[in-house]
C-alpha atoms as a PDB file:
ATOM      1  CA  UNK A   1      -7.554   3.655 -26.915  1.00  0.00           C
ATOM      2  CA  UNK A   2      -3.946   4.324 -25.877  1.00  0.00           C
ATOM      3  CA  UNK A   3      -2.469   2.614 -22.831  1.00  0.00           C
ATOM      4  CA  UNK A   4      -2.164   5.903 -20.919  1.00  0.00           C
ATOM      5  CA  UNK A   5      -5.878   6.512 -21.479  1.00  0.00           C
ATOM      6  CA  UNK A   6      -6.525   3.175 -19.774  1.00  0.00           C
ATOM      7  CA  UNK A   7      -4.277   4.359 -16.945  1.00  0.00           C
ATOM      8  CA  UNK A   8      -6.411   7.488 -16.625  1.00  0.00           C
ATOM      9  CA  UNK A   9      -9.610   5.428 -16.430  1.00  0.00           C
ATOM     10  CA  UNK A  10      -8.091   3.091 -13.845  1.00  0.00           C
ATOM     11  CA  UNK A  11      -6.923   5.997 -11.696  1.00  0.00           C
ATOM     12  CA  UNK A  12     -10.318   7.682 -11.874  1.00  0.00           C
ATOM     13  CA  UNK A  13     -11.811   4.345 -10.816  1.00  0.00           C
ATOM     14  CA  UNK A  14      -9.346   4.186  -7.928  1.00  0.00           C
ATOM     15  CA  UNK A  15     -10.343   7.650  -6.754  1.00  0.00           C
ATOM     16  CA  UNK A  16     -14.017   6.646  -6.687  1.00  0.00           C
ATOM     17  CA  UNK A  17     -13.361   3.315  -4.945  1.00  0.00           C
ATOM     18  CA  UNK A  18     -11.055   4.890  -2.375  1.00  0.00           C
ATOM     19  CA  UNK A  19     -13.654   7.513  -1.481  1.00  0.00           C
ATOM     20  CA  UNK A  20     -16.265   4.758  -1.092  1.00  0.00           C
ATOM     21  CA  UNK A  21     -13.830   2.803   1.098  1.00  0.00           C
ATOM     22  CA  UNK A  22     -13.114   5.806   3.316  1.00  0.00           C
ATOM     23  CA  UNK A  23     -16.823   6.523   3.738  1.00  0.00           C
ATOM     24  CA  UNK A  24     -17.396   2.894   4.751  1.00  0.00           C
ATOM     25  CA  UNK A  25     -14.438   3.166   7.151  1.00  0.00           C
ATOM     26  CA  UNK A  26     -16.033   6.161   8.795  1.00  0.00           C
ATOM     27  CA  UNK A  27     -19.364   4.344   9.048  1.00  0.00           C
ATOM     28  CA  UNK A  28     -17.718   1.267  10.578  1.00  0.00           C
ATOM     29  CA  UNK A  29     -15.286   2.963  12.979  1.00  0.00           C
ATOM     30  CA  UNK A  30     -16.862   6.352  13.543  1.00  0.00           C
ATOM     31  CA  UNK A  31     -13.648   7.957  12.310  1.00  0.00           C
ATOM     32  CA  UNK A  32     -10.796   7.550   9.842  1.00  0.00           C
ATOM     33  CA  UNK A  33      -8.427   5.672  12.167  1.00  0.00           C
ATOM     34  CA  UNK A  34      -4.888   6.398  10.985  1.00  0.00           C
ATOM     35  CA  UNK A  35      -3.505   3.708  13.283  1.00  0.00           C
ATOM     36  CA  UNK A  36      -4.341   1.228  10.515  1.00  0.00           C
ATOM     37  CA  UNK A  37      -1.711   0.819   7.797  1.00  0.00           C
ATOM     38  CA  UNK A  38      -4.508  -0.245   5.463  1.00  0.00           C
ATOM     39  CA  UNK A  39      -6.218   3.131   5.788  1.00  0.00           C
ATOM     40  CA  UNK A  40      -2.958   5.091   5.580  1.00  0.00           C
ATOM     41  CA  UNK A  41      -1.745   3.262   2.484  1.00  0.00           C
ATOM     42  CA  UNK A  42      -5.088   3.686   0.740  1.00  0.00           C
ATOM     43  CA  UNK A  43      -5.132   7.423   1.482  1.00  0.00           C
ATOM     44  CA  UNK A  44      -1.584   7.521   0.097  1.00  0.00           C
ATOM     45  CA  UNK A  45      -2.846   5.772  -3.042  1.00  0.00           C
ATOM     46  CA  UNK A  46      -5.816   8.138  -3.339  1.00  0.00           C
ATOM     47  CA  UNK A  47      -3.540  11.187  -3.240  1.00  0.00           C
ATOM     48  CA  UNK A  48      -1.150   9.642  -5.776  1.00  0.00           C
ATOM     49  CA  UNK A  49      -4.041   8.850  -8.141  1.00  0.00           C
ATOM     50  CA  UNK A  50      -5.307  12.427  -7.939  1.00  0.00           C
ATOM     51  CA  UNK A  51      -1.820  13.742  -8.724  1.00  0.00           C
ATOM     52  CA  UNK A  52      -1.432  11.288 -11.590  1.00  0.00           C
ATOM     53  CA  UNK A  53      -4.784  12.220 -13.153  1.00  0.00           C
ATOM     54  CA  UNK A  54      -3.801  15.888 -13.263  1.00  0.00           C
ATOM     55  CA  UNK A  55      -0.331  15.232 -14.666  1.00  0.00           C
ATOM     56  CA  UNK A  56      -0.640  11.950 -16.552  1.00  0.00           C
ATOM     57  CA  UNK A  57       0.554  13.338 -19.921  1.00  0.00           C
ATOM     58  CA  UNK A  58       3.838  14.441 -18.441  1.00  0.00           C
ATOM     59  CA  UNK A  59       4.128  13.331 -14.795  1.00  0.00           C
ATOM     60  CA  UNK A  60       7.119  14.753 -12.972  1.00  0.00           C
ATOM     61  CA  UNK A  61       9.714  12.465 -11.405  1.00  0.00           C
ATOM     62  CA  UNK A  62       8.203  13.280  -8.011  1.00  0.00           C
ATOM     63  CA  UNK A  63       4.725  12.202  -9.123  1.00  0.00           C
ATOM     64  CA  UNK A  64       6.160   9.042 -10.679  1.00  0.00           C
ATOM     65  CA  UNK A  65       7.978   8.144  -7.479  1.00  0.00           C
ATOM     66  CA  UNK A  66       4.852   8.966  -5.462  1.00  0.00           C
ATOM     67  CA  UNK A  67       2.872   6.521  -7.609  1.00  0.00           C
ATOM     68  CA  UNK A  68       5.558   3.853  -7.226  1.00  0.00           C
ATOM     69  CA  UNK A  69       5.642   4.224  -3.428  1.00  0.00           C
ATOM     70  CA  UNK A  70       1.858   4.316  -3.123  1.00  0.00           C
ATOM     71  CA  UNK A  71       1.446   1.220  -5.304  1.00  0.00           C
ATOM     72  CA  UNK A  72       4.039  -0.557  -3.194  1.00  0.00           C
ATOM     73  CA  UNK A  73       2.261   0.407   0.038  1.00  0.00           C
ATOM     74  CA  UNK A  74      -1.137  -0.978  -1.004  1.00  0.00           C
ATOM     75  CA  UNK A  75       0.522  -4.081  -2.434  1.00  0.00           C
ATOM     76  CA  UNK A  76       2.012  -4.604   1.039  1.00  0.00           C
ATOM     77  CA  UNK A  77      -1.492  -4.225   2.472  1.00  0.00           C
ATOM     78  CA  UNK A  78      -2.835  -6.914   0.140  1.00  0.00           C
ATOM     79  CA  UNK A  79      -0.007  -9.374   0.787  1.00  0.00           C
ATOM     80  CA  UNK A  80       0.029  -8.877   4.569  1.00  0.00           C
ATOM     81  CA  UNK A  81      -3.733  -9.430   4.674  1.00  0.00           C
ATOM     82  CA  UNK A  82      -3.487 -12.621   2.616  1.00  0.00           C
ATOM     83  CA  UNK A  83      -0.338 -14.182   4.080  1.00  0.00           C
ATOM     84  CA  UNK A  84      -0.176 -12.781   7.629  1.00  0.00           C
ATOM     85  CA  UNK A  85      -3.523 -11.563   8.948  1.00  0.00           C
ATOM     86  CA  UNK A  86      -5.662 -14.180   7.217  1.00  0.00           C
ATOM     87  CA  UNK A  87      -4.012 -17.148   9.000  1.00  0.00           C
ATOM     88  CA  UNK A  88      -3.518 -15.152  12.246  1.00  0.00           C
ATOM     89  CA  UNK A  89      -7.252 -14.362  12.362  1.00  0.00           C
ATOM     90  CA  UNK A  90      -8.287 -17.991  11.861  1.00  0.00           C
ATOM     91  CA  UNK A  91      -8.888 -17.611   8.111  1.00  0.00           C
ATOM     92  CA  UNK A  92     -11.819 -15.257   8.646  1.00  0.00           C
ATOM     93  CA  UNK A  93     -12.510 -14.639   4.951  1.00  0.00           C
ATOM     94  CA  UNK A  94     -15.800 -12.810   5.460  1.00  0.00           C
ATOM     95  CA  UNK A  95     -14.273 -10.231   7.808  1.00  0.00           C
ATOM     96  CA  UNK A  96     -11.021  -9.576   5.948  1.00  0.00           C
ATOM     97  CA  UNK A  97     -12.329  -9.611   2.386  1.00  0.00           C
ATOM     98  CA  UNK A  98     -16.072  -8.890   2.439  1.00  0.00           C
ATOM     99  CA  UNK A  99     -16.896  -6.718   5.446  1.00  0.00           C
ATOM    100  CA  UNK A 100     -17.286  -2.933   5.261  1.00  0.00           C
ATOM    101  CA  UNK A 101     -14.433  -1.176   3.424  1.00  0.00           C
ATOM    102  CA  UNK A 102     -12.246  -4.304   3.230  1.00  0.00           C
ATOM    103  CA  UNK A 103     -13.220  -5.395  -0.312  1.00  0.00           C
ATOM    104  CA  UNK A 104     -12.085  -1.976  -1.537  1.00  0.00           C
ATOM    105  CA  UNK A 105      -9.012  -1.391   0.619  1.00  0.00           C
ATOM    106  CA  UNK A 106      -7.747  -4.947   0.979  1.00  0.00           C
ATOM    107  CA  UNK A 107      -8.384  -6.239  -2.539  1.00  0.00           C
ATOM    108  CA  UNK A 108      -9.833  -4.082  -5.319  1.00  0.00           C
ATOM    109  CA  UNK A 109      -7.761  -0.924  -4.943  1.00  0.00           C
ATOM    110  CA  UNK A 110      -4.414  -2.722  -4.476  1.00  0.00           C
ATOM    111  CA  UNK A 111      -5.013  -4.947  -7.516  1.00  0.00           C
ATOM    112  CA  UNK A 112      -6.222  -2.096  -9.756  1.00  0.00           C
ATOM    113  CA  UNK A 113      -3.301   0.088  -8.621  1.00  0.00           C
ATOM    114  CA  UNK A 114      -0.825  -2.689  -9.397  1.00  0.00           C
ATOM    115  CA  UNK A 115      -2.233  -3.354 -12.867  1.00  0.00           C
ATOM    116  CA  UNK A 116      -2.380   0.352 -13.674  1.00  0.00           C
ATOM    117  CA  UNK A 117       1.165   1.054 -12.484  1.00  0.00           C
ATOM    118  CA  UNK A 118       2.746  -1.910 -14.223  1.00  0.00           C
ATOM    119  CA  UNK A 119       1.010  -1.766 -17.587  1.00  0.00           C
ATOM    120  CA  UNK A 120      -0.794   1.535 -18.172  1.00  0.00           C
ATOM    121  CA  UNK A 121       1.217   4.348 -16.596  1.00  0.00           C
ATOM    122  CA  UNK A 122       4.281   6.268 -17.623  1.00  0.00           C
ATOM    123  CA  UNK A 123       6.875   5.662 -14.944  1.00  0.00           C
ATOM    124  CA  UNK A 124      10.615   5.912 -15.353  1.00  0.00           C
ATOM    125  CA  UNK A 125      11.794   5.468 -11.760  1.00  0.00           C
ATOM    126  CA  UNK A 126      15.174   3.731 -11.930  1.00  0.00           C
ATOM    127  CA  UNK A 127      15.455   0.356 -10.268  1.00  0.00           C
ATOM    128  CA  UNK A 128      18.327   1.223  -7.925  1.00  0.00           C
ATOM    129  CA  UNK A 129      19.005   0.284  -4.327  1.00  0.00           C
ATOM    130  CA  UNK A 130      18.641   3.958  -3.403  1.00  0.00           C
ATOM    131  CA  UNK A 131      15.136   4.146  -4.872  1.00  0.00           C
ATOM    132  CA  UNK A 132      14.205   0.780  -3.359  1.00  0.00           C
ATOM    133  CA  UNK A 133      15.210   2.053   0.073  1.00  0.00           C
ATOM    134  CA  UNK A 134      13.456   5.401  -0.449  1.00  0.00           C
ATOM    135  CA  UNK A 135      10.264   3.532  -1.251  1.00  0.00           C
ATOM    136  CA  UNK A 136      10.374   2.115   2.293  1.00  0.00           C
ATOM    137  CA  UNK A 137      10.040   5.540   3.925  1.00  0.00           C
ATOM    138  CA  UNK A 138       6.236   5.433   4.143  1.00  0.00           C
ATOM    139  CA  UNK A 139       6.206   1.998   5.787  1.00  0.00           C
ATOM    140  CA  UNK A 140       9.179   2.829   8.013  1.00  0.00           C
ATOM    141  CA  UNK A 141       7.588   6.051   9.297  1.00  0.00           C
ATOM    142  CA  UNK A 142       4.366   4.160  10.015  1.00  0.00           C
ATOM    143  CA  UNK A 143       6.276   1.445  11.883  1.00  0.00           C
ATOM    144  CA  UNK A 144       8.259   3.909  14.022  1.00  0.00           C
ATOM    145  CA  UNK A 145       5.147   5.890  14.987  1.00  0.00           C
ATOM    146  CA  UNK A 146       2.957   2.874  15.768  1.00  0.00           C
ATOM    147  CA  UNK A 147       5.616   0.945  17.676  1.00  0.00           C
ATOM    148  CA  UNK A 148       6.336   4.065  19.748  1.00  0.00           C
ATOM    149  CA  UNK A 149       2.629   4.531  20.468  1.00  0.00           C
ATOM    150  CA  UNK A 150       2.374   0.862  21.449  1.00  0.00           C
ATOM    151  CA  UNK A 151       5.373   1.169  23.782  1.00  0.00           C
ATOM    152  CA  UNK A 152       3.773   4.246  25.373  1.00  0.00           C
ATOM    153  CA  UNK A 153       0.463   2.339  25.619  1.00  0.00           C
ATOM    154  CA  UNK A 154      -1.325   5.042  23.643  1.00  0.00           C
ATOM    155  CA  UNK A 155      -2.638   2.406  21.246  1.00  0.00           C
ATOM    156  CA  UNK A 156      -2.752  -1.374  21.297  1.00  0.00           C
ATOM    157  CA  UNK A 157      -1.843  -2.821  17.926  1.00  0.00           C
ATOM    158  CA  UNK A 158      -3.930  -2.523  15.836  1.00  0.00           C
ATOM    159  CA  UNK A 159      -2.131  -5.471  14.243  1.00  0.00           C
ATOM    160  CA  UNK A 160      -1.009  -8.501  16.286  1.00  0.00           C
ATOM    161  CA  UNK A 161       2.661  -8.056  15.316  1.00  0.00           C
ATOM    162  CA  UNK A 162       2.662  -4.480  16.675  1.00  0.00           C
ATOM    163  CA  UNK A 163       1.496  -5.483  20.162  1.00  0.00           C
ATOM    164  CA  UNK A 164       4.889  -5.174  21.836  1.00  0.00           C
ATOM    165  CA  UNK A 165       3.622  -6.142  25.297  1.00  0.00           C
ATOM    166  CA  UNK A 166       2.083  -9.371  24.050  1.00  0.00           C
ATOM    167  CA  UNK A 167       5.290 -10.777  22.542  1.00  0.00           C
ATOM    168  CA  UNK A 168       8.985 -10.858  23.318  1.00  0.00           C
ATOM    169  CA  UNK A 169      11.340  -8.050  22.296  1.00  0.00           C
ATOM    170  CA  UNK A 170      13.103 -10.532  20.013  1.00  0.00           C
ATOM    171  CA  UNK A 171       9.843 -11.398  18.258  1.00  0.00           C
ATOM    172  CA  UNK A 172       9.060  -7.711  17.747  1.00  0.00           C
ATOM    173  CA  UNK A 173      12.505  -7.195  16.202  1.00  0.00           C
ATOM    174  CA  UNK A 174      12.051 -10.257  13.984  1.00  0.00           C
ATOM    175  CA  UNK A 175       8.724  -8.926  12.733  1.00  0.00           C
ATOM    176  CA  UNK A 176      10.212  -5.504  11.941  1.00  0.00           C
ATOM    177  CA  UNK A 177      13.225  -6.929  10.113  1.00  0.00           C
ATOM    178  CA  UNK A 178      11.120  -9.486   8.240  1.00  0.00           C
ATOM    179  CA  UNK A 179       8.516  -6.982   7.043  1.00  0.00           C
ATOM    180  CA  UNK A 180      10.998  -4.277   6.039  1.00  0.00           C
ATOM    181  CA  UNK A 181      13.204  -6.852   4.308  1.00  0.00           C
ATOM    182  CA  UNK A 182      10.178  -8.193   2.456  1.00  0.00           C
ATOM    183  CA  UNK A 183       9.166  -4.668   1.412  1.00  0.00           C
ATOM    184  CA  UNK A 184      12.679  -3.968   0.107  1.00  0.00           C
ATOM    185  CA  UNK A 185      12.616  -7.112  -2.031  1.00  0.00           C
ATOM    186  CA  UNK A 186       9.087  -6.337  -3.196  1.00  0.00           C
ATOM    187  CA  UNK A 187      10.034  -2.798  -4.219  1.00  0.00           C
ATOM    188  CA  UNK A 188      12.804  -4.210  -6.422  1.00  0.00           C
ATOM    189  CA  UNK A 189      10.465  -6.781  -7.984  1.00  0.00           C
ATOM    190  CA  UNK A 190       7.870  -4.087  -8.708  1.00  0.00           C
ATOM    191  CA  UNK A 191      10.324  -1.962 -10.689  1.00  0.00           C
ATOM    192  CA  UNK A 192      11.869  -5.011 -12.363  1.00  0.00           C
ATOM    193  CA  UNK A 193       8.476  -6.023 -13.760  1.00  0.00           C
ATOM    194  CA  UNK A 194       7.778  -2.406 -14.749  1.00  0.00           C
ATOM    195  CA  UNK A 195      11.093  -2.195 -16.617  1.00  0.00           C
ATOM    196  CA  UNK A 196      10.379  -5.489 -18.396  1.00  0.00           C
ATOM    197  CA  UNK A 197       6.987  -4.227 -19.541  1.00  0.00           C
ATOM    198  CA  UNK A 198       8.573  -1.015 -20.872  1.00  0.00           C
ATOM    199  CA  UNK A 199      11.223  -2.994 -22.758  1.00  0.00           C
ATOM    200  CA  UNK A 200       8.648  -5.334 -24.313  1.00  0.00           C
ATOM    201  CA  UNK A 201       6.491  -2.420 -25.409  1.00  0.00           C
ATOM    202  CA  UNK A 202       9.216  -0.276 -26.958  1.00  0.00           C
END
């Protein structure tokens, strides 16, 4: 079996798992609440997997970049859950990793997407500062919309670091800069590892 065939299988698996996760989200919340970055990033991944499945033999540069950005977004979800939300929510393992859609959206889909992107997909996105910054667009748009809605009191959170009225302006700025800076570094690391895998497998 060729590596790109494995990528196809992994993406088909992602599509199935994402649909299961979204159904469980609807059951748990009564809707697909787009205020959650977790849900948004997983929908982003679902769409990118569908596009990849239909064009895997010769994915366009747009599809390749879409996959890169989507993989980055769910990787952010995984890392924020593990290193930010887990300690902030008193290490509630059962809730964050086992309840409802969380096993799919917090763990399984991000890990499968990462493995597929790094080792089993054709992707020739150049590791440049421009592409690293472009990969932030999804997260940046989410941040702008949710912070605005929090300021207008349309929503509260849903994450502790988005609750602008429960922390100082300085702390809100620190959170924004820290997360976006982390994402920028992570986007570079993701493509660096991808490039290394391509070099080793030439």
